[in-house]
Amino acid sequence: MNRIAKCFERLSKENKKALISYIVLGDPMKHITLPLMHALVKSGSNIIELGIPFSDPTAEGPVIQRAHERALENGSNLGEALSLVKKFRESDTITPIILMGYTNPIERMGYDKFIELATTSEVDGVLTVDLPPEEAVTFNDKLKSSNIENIFLLAPTSSQLRQEKVTKMAGGFVYYVSLNGVTGAGNLEIDSVQKHVGNIQSLTKLPVCVGFGIKDGVTARAVADISNGVVVGSAIVKKIAELAETKEIDPAVYVDAVSRIISDIRSALDK
């Protein structure tokens, strides 16, 4: 069984919701990422989404776009992400790791080579923001044969047909984008989220987790009540950016700041 499935199975038995945290590889400096990954787990994250830096991250808002820019300036890339996950596994063999990014870096590496390295590094899932299900069939089949889950996004604008198509192909969990637009934008409309999440849940046995717009414990708790978990990204990356602007280079300072955010959200989820 894939680590993602094991994670949700364990959380269900404990009557808890999943907390999925997103950071960008190499942001703001390469030596910060690994300590941050371990800190996310220690402070309450169940799953980590590791963002792969890309020059045109169209689904991201300004906060995460700038994180991609900082990471690219540091020379961070997909190959480095795979190596870092392998390093992470030396001391954590339980926490699921999902690589989140765009299709171009994977295509440049080659699907087969990527899957080979991802398997060796013990990556658990892949989320390619710009790869629609119609174009993902071959990649999806290859991932499944290697026990790597392919995570798909659904949005408020996704048609019923698209929802049905995605839920048939998806693995791990379905990521519901709670807002129209890019990451970090707008305010949550809980009634709308509940309606769409309920419809998705009627189409699949997979967990449904909600991201975009989860900013603190209050929003996380509200969304968790109507889903299987929450994805937190912009709030973490924003704090990292604030520290980066001060020219801070000590990993411990980043770890402390991010741990506070995650601990607060974890506490709210567990109430």
C-alpha atoms as a PDB file:
ATOM      1  CA  MET A   1       0.000   0.000   0.000  1.00  0.00           C
ATOM      2  CA  ASN A   2       1.254   3.486  -0.895  1.00  0.00           C
ATOM      3  CA  ARG A   3       2.211   5.759   2.038  1.00  0.00           C
ATOM      4  CA  ILE A   4      -0.559   8.203   1.129  1.00  0.00           C
ATOM      5  CA  ALA A   5      -3.222   5.523   1.491  1.00  0.00           C
ATOM      6  CA  LYS A   6      -1.674   4.352   4.759  1.00  0.00           C
ATOM      7  CA  CYS A   7      -1.671   7.921   6.049  1.00  0.00           C
ATOM      8  CA  PHE A   8      -5.363   8.489   5.360  1.00  0.00           C
ATOM      9  CA  GLU A   9      -6.236   5.061   6.748  1.00  0.00           C
ATOM     10  CA  ARG A  10      -4.419   5.887   9.989  1.00  0.00           C
ATOM     11  CA  LEU A  11      -6.011   9.324  10.252  1.00  0.00           C
ATOM     12  CA  SER A  12      -9.470   7.851   9.695  1.00  0.00           C
ATOM     13  CA  LYS A  13      -8.959   5.402  12.562  1.00  0.00           C
ATOM     14  CA  GLU A  14      -7.813   8.282  14.771  1.00  0.00           C
ATOM     15  CA  ASN A  15     -10.764  10.439  13.642  1.00  0.00           C
ATOM     16  CA  LYS A  16      -8.376  13.143  12.444  1.00  0.00           C
ATOM     17  CA  LYS A  17      -8.090  15.286   9.354  1.00  0.00           C
ATOM     18  CA  ALA A  18      -5.072  15.434   7.076  1.00  0.00           C
ATOM     19  CA  LEU A  19      -2.813  18.460   7.161  1.00  0.00           C
ATOM     20  CA  ILE A  20      -0.884  18.730   3.894  1.00  0.00           C
ATOM     21  CA  SER A  21       1.832  21.379   3.791  1.00  0.00           C
ATOM     22  CA  TYR A  22       3.466  22.920   0.732  1.00  0.00           C
ATOM     23  CA  ILE A  23       6.901  24.484   0.417  1.00  0.00           C
ATOM     24  CA  VAL A  24       9.050  25.227  -2.619  1.00  0.00           C
ATOM     25  CA  LEU A  25      12.330  23.363  -3.013  1.00  0.00           C
ATOM     26  CA  GLY A  26      15.292  25.681  -2.490  1.00  0.00           C
ATOM     27  CA  ASP A  27      13.277  28.619  -1.177  1.00  0.00           C
ATOM     28  CA  PRO A  28      14.873  30.844  -0.098  1.00  0.00           C
ATOM     29  CA  MET A  29      18.126  28.856   0.069  1.00  0.00           C
ATOM     30  CA  LYS A  30      18.993  25.237  -0.622  1.00  0.00           C
ATOM     31  CA  HIS A  31      20.112  24.433   2.921  1.00  0.00           C
ATOM     32  CA  ILE A  32      16.741  25.488   4.367  1.00  0.00           C
ATOM     33  CA  THR A  33      14.479  22.935   2.651  1.00  0.00           C
ATOM     34  CA  LEU A  34      15.420  19.677   4.380  1.00  0.00           C
ATOM     35  CA  PRO A  35      15.205  21.111   7.926  1.00  0.00           C
ATOM     36  CA  LEU A  36      11.857  22.629   6.980  1.00  0.00           C
ATOM     37  CA  MET A  37      10.531  19.286   5.747  1.00  0.00           C
ATOM     38  CA  HIS A  38      11.361  17.616   9.044  1.00  0.00           C
ATOM     39  CA  ALA A  39       9.934  20.573  10.973  1.00  0.00           C
ATOM     40  CA  LEU A  40       6.650  20.346   9.061  1.00  0.00           C
ATOM     41  CA  VAL A  41       6.268  16.738  10.172  1.00  0.00           C
ATOM     42  CA  LYS A  42       7.279  17.409  13.759  1.00  0.00           C
ATOM     43  CA  SER A  43       4.790  20.269  14.100  1.00  0.00           C
ATOM     44  CA  GLY A  44       1.829  18.311  12.743  1.00  0.00           C
ATOM     45  CA  SER A  45       1.893  17.930   8.957  1.00  0.00           C
ATOM     46  CA  ASN A  46       0.808  14.524   7.693  1.00  0.00           C
ATOM     47  CA  ILE A  47       1.863  14.911   4.065  1.00  0.00           C
ATOM     48  CA  ILE A  48       4.394  17.216   2.400  1.00  0.00           C
ATOM     49  CA  GLU A  49       3.975  18.740  -1.046  1.00  0.00           C
ATOM     50  CA  LEU A  50       7.377  19.751  -2.347  1.00  0.00           C
ATOM     51  CA  GLY A  51       7.059  22.398  -5.036  1.00  0.00           C
ATOM     52  CA  ILE A  52       9.380  21.996  -8.025  1.00  0.00           C
ATOM     53  CA  PRO A  53      10.645  25.413  -9.167  1.00  0.00           C
ATOM     54  CA  PHE A  54       9.436  26.441 -12.613  1.00  0.00           C
ATOM     55  CA  SER A  55       9.865  29.600 -14.657  1.00  0.00           C
ATOM     56  CA  ASP A  56       6.171  29.993 -15.489  1.00  0.00           C
ATOM     57  CA  PRO A  57       4.077  28.744 -12.534  1.00  0.00           C
ATOM     58  CA  THR A  58       0.750  29.897 -13.962  1.00  0.00           C
ATOM     59  CA  ALA A  59      -1.447  28.425 -11.220  1.00  0.00           C
ATOM     60  CA  GLU A  60       0.355  30.299  -8.481  1.00  0.00           C
ATOM     61  CA  GLY A  61      -0.310  33.690  -6.981  1.00  0.00           C
ATOM     62  CA  PRO A  62       2.393  36.333  -6.448  1.00  0.00           C
ATOM     63  CA  VAL A  63       3.627  34.867  -3.151  1.00  0.00           C
ATOM     64  CA  ILE A  64       4.426  31.430  -4.542  1.00  0.00           C
ATOM     65  CA  GLN A  65       5.562  32.810  -7.902  1.00  0.00           C
ATOM     66  CA  ARG A  66       8.270  34.763  -6.090  1.00  0.00           C
ATOM     67  CA  ALA A  67       9.223  31.611  -4.181  1.00  0.00           C
ATOM     68  CA  HIS A  68       9.757  29.851  -7.505  1.00  0.00           C
ATOM     69  CA  GLU A  69      11.909  32.765  -8.649  1.00  0.00           C
ATOM     70  CA  ARG A  70      14.070  32.632  -5.517  1.00  0.00           C
ATOM     71  CA  ALA A  71      14.491  28.880  -5.887  1.00  0.00           C
ATOM     72  CA  LEU A  72      15.451  29.135  -9.554  1.00  0.00           C
ATOM     73  CA  GLU A  73      18.036  31.779  -8.698  1.00  0.00           C
ATOM     74  CA  ASN A  74      19.538  29.188  -6.351  1.00  0.00           C
ATOM     75  CA  GLY A  75      19.699  26.656  -9.166  1.00  0.00           C
ATOM     76  CA  SER A  76      17.110  24.328  -7.613  1.00  0.00           C
ATOM     77  CA  ASN A  77      15.556  21.816  -9.994  1.00  0.00           C
ATOM     78  CA  LEU A  78      13.710  18.517 -10.327  1.00  0.00           C
ATOM     79  CA  GLY A  79      16.831  16.378 -10.063  1.00  0.00           C
ATOM     80  CA  GLU A  80      17.735  18.082  -6.807  1.00  0.00           C
ATOM     81  CA  ALA A  81      14.222  17.467  -5.477  1.00  0.00           C
ATOM     82  CA  LEU A  82      14.542  13.743  -6.101  1.00  0.00           C
ATOM     83  CA  SER A  83      17.896  13.664  -4.334  1.00  0.00           C
ATOM     84  CA  LEU A  84      16.497  15.615  -1.395  1.00  0.00           C
ATOM     85  CA  VAL A  85      13.579  13.221  -0.934  1.00  0.00           C
ATOM     86  CA  LYS A  86      16.079  10.369  -0.847  1.00  0.00           C
ATOM     87  CA  LYS A  87      17.983  12.248   1.862  1.00  0.00           C
ATOM     88  CA  PHE A  88      14.754  12.865   3.782  1.00  0.00           C
ATOM     89  CA  ARG A  89      14.046   9.128   3.722  1.00  0.00           C
ATOM     90  CA  GLU A  90      17.227   8.428   5.694  1.00  0.00           C
ATOM     91  CA  SER A  91      15.388   9.543   8.832  1.00  0.00           C
ATOM     92  CA  ASP A  92      11.715   9.525   7.846  1.00  0.00           C
ATOM     93  CA  THR A  93      10.296   6.488   6.119  1.00  0.00           C
ATOM     94  CA  ILE A  94       6.665   7.192   7.014  1.00  0.00           C
ATOM     95  CA  THR A  95       5.647  10.677   5.834  1.00  0.00           C
ATOM     96  CA  PRO A  96       4.271  10.762   2.274  1.00  0.00           C
ATOM     97  CA  ILE A  97       6.049  13.138  -0.100  1.00  0.00           C
ATOM     98  CA  ILE A  98       4.317  14.547  -3.173  1.00  0.00           C
ATOM     99  CA  LEU A  99       6.209  16.407  -5.874  1.00  0.00           C
ATOM    100  CA  MET A 100       4.046  19.262  -7.097  1.00  0.00           C
ATOM    101  CA  GLY A 101       4.845  21.227 -10.199  1.00  0.00           C
ATOM    102  CA  TYR A 102       4.517  21.520 -13.947  1.00  0.00           C
ATOM    103  CA  THR A 103       4.886  19.082 -16.795  1.00  0.00           C
ATOM    104  CA  ASN A 104       7.867  20.626 -18.591  1.00  0.00           C
ATOM    105  CA  PRO A 105      10.643  19.564 -16.152  1.00  0.00           C
ATOM    106  CA  ILE A 106       9.321  15.989 -16.095  1.00  0.00           C
ATOM    107  CA  GLU A 107       9.056  15.824 -19.884  1.00  0.00           C
ATOM    108  CA  ARG A 108      12.596  17.169 -20.231  1.00  0.00           C
ATOM    109  CA  MET A 109      13.864  14.446 -17.899  1.00  0.00           C
ATOM    110  CA  GLY A 110      11.667  11.862 -19.610  1.00  0.00           C
ATOM    111  CA  TYR A 111       8.740  10.055 -17.997  1.00  0.00           C
ATOM    112  CA  ASP A 112      10.570   6.751 -17.643  1.00  0.00           C
ATOM    113  CA  LYS A 113      13.705   8.304 -16.157  1.00  0.00           C
ATOM    114  CA  PHE A 114      11.654  10.445 -13.801  1.00  0.00           C
ATOM    115  CA  ILE A 115       9.635   7.475 -12.538  1.00  0.00           C
ATOM    116  CA  GLU A 116      12.805   5.418 -12.113  1.00  0.00           C
ATOM    117  CA  LEU A 117      14.415   8.131  -9.974  1.00  0.00           C
ATOM    118  CA  ALA A 118      11.182   8.902  -8.108  1.00  0.00           C
ATOM    119  CA  THR A 119      10.837   5.229  -7.206  1.00  0.00           C
ATOM    120  CA  THR A 120      14.440   5.042  -6.014  1.00  0.00           C
ATOM    121  CA  SER A 121      13.946   8.196  -3.935  1.00  0.00           C
ATOM    122  CA  GLU A 122      10.679   6.836  -2.507  1.00  0.00           C
ATOM    123  CA  VAL A 123       8.431   9.612  -3.765  1.00  0.00           C
ATOM    124  CA  ASP A 124       4.794   8.772  -3.030  1.00  0.00           C
ATOM    125  CA  GLY A 125       2.860  11.030  -5.354  1.00  0.00           C
ATOM    126  CA  VAL A 126       3.043  13.492  -8.217  1.00  0.00           C
ATOM    127  CA  LEU A 127       0.834  16.481  -8.918  1.00  0.00           C
ATOM    128  CA  THR A 128       1.385  18.113 -12.299  1.00  0.00           C
ATOM    129  CA  VAL A 129      -0.753  21.226 -12.313  1.00  0.00           C
ATOM    130  CA  ASP A 130      -0.896  21.678 -16.087  1.00  0.00           C
ATOM    131  CA  LEU A 131      -1.344  18.051 -17.189  1.00  0.00           C
ATOM    132  CA  PRO A 132      -5.027  17.423 -17.987  1.00  0.00           C
ATOM    133  CA  PRO A 133      -6.435  13.894 -17.642  1.00  0.00           C
ATOM    134  CA  GLU A 134      -6.828  13.576 -21.426  1.00  0.00           C
ATOM    135  CA  GLU A 135      -3.048  13.860 -21.822  1.00  0.00           C
ATOM    136  CA  ALA A 136      -2.080  11.981 -18.663  1.00  0.00           C
ATOM    137  CA  VAL A 137      -3.159   8.426 -19.508  1.00  0.00           C
ATOM    138  CA  THR A 138       0.266   6.987 -20.331  1.00  0.00           C
ATOM    139  CA  PHE A 139       2.017   8.820 -17.500  1.00  0.00           C
ATOM    140  CA  ASN A 140      -0.744   7.803 -15.095  1.00  0.00           C
ATOM    141  CA  ASP A 141      -0.436   4.127 -16.014  1.00  0.00           C
ATOM    142  CA  LYS A 142       3.334   4.184 -15.579  1.00  0.00           C
ATOM    143  CA  LEU A 143       3.057   5.879 -12.193  1.00  0.00           C
ATOM    144  CA  LYS A 144       0.509   3.353 -10.952  1.00  0.00           C
ATOM    145  CA  SER A 145       2.710   0.446 -12.035  1.00  0.00           C
ATOM    146  CA  SER A 146       5.455   1.942  -9.833  1.00  0.00           C
ATOM    147  CA  ASN A 147       3.139   2.501  -6.831  1.00  0.00           C
ATOM    148  CA  ILE A 148       3.286   6.280  -7.212  1.00  0.00           C
ATOM    149  CA  GLU A 149      -0.015   8.098  -6.918  1.00  0.00           C
ATOM    150  CA  ASN A 150      -1.086  10.699  -9.475  1.00  0.00           C
ATOM    151  CA  ILE A 151      -2.869  13.537  -7.686  1.00  0.00           C
ATOM    152  CA  PHE A 152      -5.375  15.568  -9.714  1.00  0.00           C
ATOM    153  CA  LEU A 153      -6.898  18.991  -9.162  1.00  0.00           C
ATOM    154  CA  LEU A 154     -10.579  19.851  -9.451  1.00  0.00           C
ATOM    155  CA  ALA A 155     -11.919  23.390  -9.317  1.00  0.00           C
ATOM    156  CA  PRO A 156     -15.310  25.062  -8.778  1.00  0.00           C
ATOM    157  CA  THR A 157     -15.530  25.415 -12.557  1.00  0.00           C
ATOM    158  CA  SER A 158     -14.876  21.711 -13.268  1.00  0.00           C
ATOM    159  CA  SER A 159     -17.816  20.202 -15.127  1.00  0.00           C
ATOM    160  CA  GLN A 160     -19.546  17.038 -13.986  1.00  0.00           C
ATOM    161  CA  LEU A 161     -17.926  15.194 -16.888  1.00  0.00           C
ATOM    162  CA  ARG A 162     -14.470  16.435 -15.880  1.00  0.00           C
ATOM    163  CA  GLN A 163     -15.071  15.439 -12.275  1.00  0.00           C
ATOM    164  CA  GLU A 164     -16.065  11.942 -13.340  1.00  0.00           C
ATOM    165  CA  LYS A 165     -13.025  11.619 -15.592  1.00  0.00           C
ATOM    166  CA  VAL A 166     -10.599  12.846 -12.955  1.00  0.00           C
ATOM    167  CA  THR A 167     -11.985  10.717 -10.133  1.00  0.00           C
ATOM    168  CA  LYS A 168     -11.625   7.593 -12.275  1.00  0.00           C
ATOM    169  CA  MET A 169      -7.933   8.308 -12.901  1.00  0.00           C
ATOM    170  CA  ALA A 170      -6.910   9.882  -9.597  1.00  0.00           C
ATOM    171  CA  GLY A 171      -4.883   8.200  -6.898  1.00  0.00           C
ATOM    172  CA  GLY A 172      -4.031   9.100  -3.307  1.00  0.00           C
ATOM    173  CA  PHE A 173      -6.611  11.838  -2.859  1.00  0.00           C
ATOM    174  CA  VAL A 174      -8.447  14.407  -4.927  1.00  0.00           C
ATOM    175  CA  TYR A 175      -7.226  17.978  -4.465  1.00  0.00           C
ATOM    176  CA  TYR A 176     -10.156  20.387  -4.603  1.00  0.00           C
ATOM    177  CA  VAL A 177      -9.204  23.972  -5.392  1.00  0.00           C
ATOM    178  CA  SER A 178     -11.615  25.973  -3.274  1.00  0.00           C
ATOM    179  CA  LEU A 179     -11.222  29.275  -5.132  1.00  0.00           C
ATOM    180  CA  ASN A 180     -11.383  30.465  -8.703  1.00  0.00           C
ATOM    181  CA  GLY A 181      -7.993  31.882  -9.609  1.00  0.00           C
ATOM    182  CA  VAL A 182      -4.464  31.405  -8.336  1.00  0.00           C
ATOM    183  CA  THR A 183      -3.039  30.322  -4.994  1.00  0.00           C
ATOM    184  CA  GLY A 184      -3.372  32.814  -2.176  1.00  0.00           C
ATOM    185  CA  ALA A 185      -6.330  34.627  -3.706  1.00  0.00           C
ATOM    186  CA  GLY A 186      -9.788  35.454  -2.418  1.00  0.00           C
ATOM    187  CA  ASN A 187     -11.844  34.272   0.513  1.00  0.00           C
ATOM    188  CA  LEU A 188     -13.442  30.921   1.157  1.00  0.00           C
ATOM    189  CA  GLU A 189     -17.118  30.380   0.558  1.00  0.00           C
ATOM    190  CA  ILE A 190     -17.784  27.408   2.801  1.00  0.00           C
ATOM    191  CA  ASP A 191     -21.241  26.621   1.425  1.00  0.00           C
ATOM    192  CA  SER A 192     -19.855  26.417  -2.098  1.00  0.00           C
ATOM    193  CA  VAL A 193     -16.921  24.271  -0.961  1.00  0.00           C
ATOM    194  CA  GLN A 194     -19.265  21.906   0.868  1.00  0.00           C
ATOM    195  CA  LYS A 195     -21.460  21.487  -2.202  1.00  0.00           C
ATOM    196  CA  HIS A 196     -18.582  20.726  -4.559  1.00  0.00           C
ATOM    197  CA  VAL A 197     -16.700  18.485  -2.130  1.00  0.00           C
ATOM    198  CA  GLY A 198     -19.869  16.515  -1.467  1.00  0.00           C
ATOM    199  CA  ASN A 199     -20.368  15.938  -5.167  1.00  0.00           C
ATOM    200  CA  ILE A 200     -16.770  14.780  -5.630  1.00  0.00           C
ATOM    201  CA  GLN A 201     -17.084  12.430  -2.672  1.00  0.00           C
ATOM    202  CA  SER A 202     -20.134  10.862  -4.302  1.00  0.00           C
ATOM    203  CA  LEU A 203     -17.943   9.936  -7.289  1.00  0.00           C
ATOM    204  CA  THR A 204     -14.954   8.390  -5.515  1.00  0.00           C
ATOM    205  CA  LYS A 205     -13.845   6.512  -2.443  1.00  0.00           C
ATOM    206  CA  LEU A 206     -10.639   8.553  -2.367  1.00  0.00           C
ATOM    207  CA  PRO A 207     -10.229  11.261   0.277  1.00  0.00           C
ATOM    208  CA  VAL A 208     -10.978  14.798  -0.879  1.00  0.00           C
ATOM    209  CA  CYS A 209      -8.706  17.543   0.453  1.00  0.00           C
ATOM    210  CA  VAL A 210      -9.148  21.269   0.000  1.00  0.00           C
ATOM    211  CA  GLY A 211      -6.494  23.838  -0.796  1.00  0.00           C
ATOM    212  CA  PHE A 212      -6.172  27.496  -1.904  1.00  0.00           C
ATOM    213  CA  GLY A 213      -7.479  29.916   0.724  1.00  0.00           C
ATOM    214  CA  ILE A 214      -6.457  27.996   3.865  1.00  0.00           C
ATOM    215  CA  LYS A 215      -4.697  30.733   5.772  1.00  0.00           C
ATOM    216  CA  ASP A 216      -5.005  29.895   9.474  1.00  0.00           C
ATOM    217  CA  GLY A 217      -6.613  27.654  12.044  1.00  0.00           C
ATOM    218  CA  VAL A 218     -10.071  29.144  11.565  1.00  0.00           C
ATOM    219  CA  THR A 219     -10.228  28.530   7.811  1.00  0.00           C
ATOM    220  CA  ALA A 220      -8.579  25.132   8.198  1.00  0.00           C
ATOM    221  CA  ARG A 221     -11.125  24.016  10.783  1.00  0.00           C
ATOM    222  CA  ALA A 222     -14.061  25.206   8.692  1.00  0.00           C
ATOM    223  CA  VAL A 223     -12.852  23.316   5.634  1.00  0.00           C
ATOM    224  CA  ALA A 224     -11.838  20.205   7.568  1.00  0.00           C
ATOM    225  CA  ASP A 225     -15.397  19.834   8.835  1.00  0.00           C
ATOM    226  CA  ILE A 226     -16.574  19.191   5.273  1.00  0.00           C
ATOM    227  CA  SER A 227     -13.563  17.356   3.782  1.00  0.00           C
ATOM    228  CA  ASN A 228     -10.862  14.822   4.575  1.00  0.00           C
ATOM    229  CA  GLY A 229      -8.113  17.368   4.990  1.00  0.00           C
ATOM    230  CA  VAL A 230      -6.600  20.716   4.096  1.00  0.00           C
ATOM    231  CA  VAL A 231      -3.632  21.905   2.039  1.00  0.00           C
ATOM    232  CA  VAL A 232      -1.670  24.888   3.360  1.00  0.00           C
ATOM    233  CA  GLY A 233       0.790  26.623   1.070  1.00  0.00           C
ATOM    234  CA  SER A 234       0.699  30.391   0.675  1.00  0.00           C
ATOM    235  CA  ALA A 235       0.628  31.065   4.433  1.00  0.00           C
ATOM    236  CA  ILE A 236       3.852  29.095   4.885  1.00  0.00           C
ATOM    237  CA  VAL A 237       5.583  30.499   1.820  1.00  0.00           C
ATOM    238  CA  LYS A 238       4.627  34.049   2.814  1.00  0.00           C
ATOM    239  CA  LYS A 239       6.334  33.650   6.186  1.00  0.00           C
ATOM    240  CA  ILE A 240       9.422  32.218   4.477  1.00  0.00           C
ATOM    241  CA  ALA A 241       9.461  35.243   2.144  1.00  0.00           C
ATOM    242  CA  GLU A 242       9.272  37.664   5.065  1.00  0.00           C
ATOM    243  CA  LEU A 243      12.312  36.074   6.658  1.00  0.00           C
ATOM    244  CA  ALA A 244      14.148  35.962   3.342  1.00  0.00           C
ATOM    245  CA  GLU A 245      13.683  39.704   2.959  1.00  0.00           C
ATOM    246  CA  THR A 246      15.627  40.200   6.202  1.00  0.00           C
ATOM    247  CA  LYS A 247      18.538  38.212   4.702  1.00  0.00           C
ATOM    248  CA  GLU A 248      18.096  35.544   7.362  1.00  0.00           C
ATOM    249  CA  ILE A 249      20.199  32.431   6.629  1.00  0.00           C
ATOM    250  CA  ASP A 250      19.793  30.388   9.830  1.00  0.00           C
ATOM    251  CA  PRO A 251      17.577  27.329   9.194  1.00  0.00           C
ATOM    252  CA  ALA A 252      16.510  27.335  12.855  1.00  0.00           C
ATOM    253  CA  VAL A 253      14.767  30.694  12.421  1.00  0.00           C
ATOM    254  CA  TYR A 254      12.755  29.403   9.460  1.00  0.00           C
ATOM    255  CA  VAL A 255      11.974  26.170  11.294  1.00  0.00           C
ATOM    256  CA  ASP A 256      10.648  28.044  14.324  1.00  0.00           C
ATOM    257  CA  ALA A 257       8.449  30.402  12.289  1.00  0.00           C
ATOM    258  CA  VAL A 258       6.946  27.704  10.076  1.00  0.00           C
ATOM    259  CA  SER A 259       6.474  25.322  12.995  1.00  0.00           C
ATOM    260  CA  ARG A 260       4.333  27.919  14.755  1.00  0.00           C
ATOM    261  CA  ILE A 261       2.023  28.191  11.746  1.00  0.00           C
ATOM    262  CA  ILE A 262       1.635  24.428  11.386  1.00  0.00           C
ATOM    263  CA  SER A 263       1.205  23.814  15.112  1.00  0.00           C
ATOM    264  CA  ASP A 264      -1.596  26.375  15.271  1.00  0.00           C
ATOM    265  CA  ILE A 265      -3.398  24.820  12.316  1.00  0.00           C
ATOM    266  CA  ARG A 266      -2.877  21.293  13.661  1.00  0.00           C
ATOM    267  CA  SER A 267      -4.342  22.361  16.990  1.00  0.00           C
ATOM    268  CA  ALA A 268      -7.384  23.847  15.278  1.00  0.00           C
ATOM    269  CA  LEU A 269      -7.904  20.697  13.208  1.00  0.00           C
ATOM    270  CA  ASP A 270      -7.753  18.478  16.279  1.00  0.00           C
ATOM    271  CA  LYS A 271     -10.296  20.438  18.320  1.00  0.00           C
END
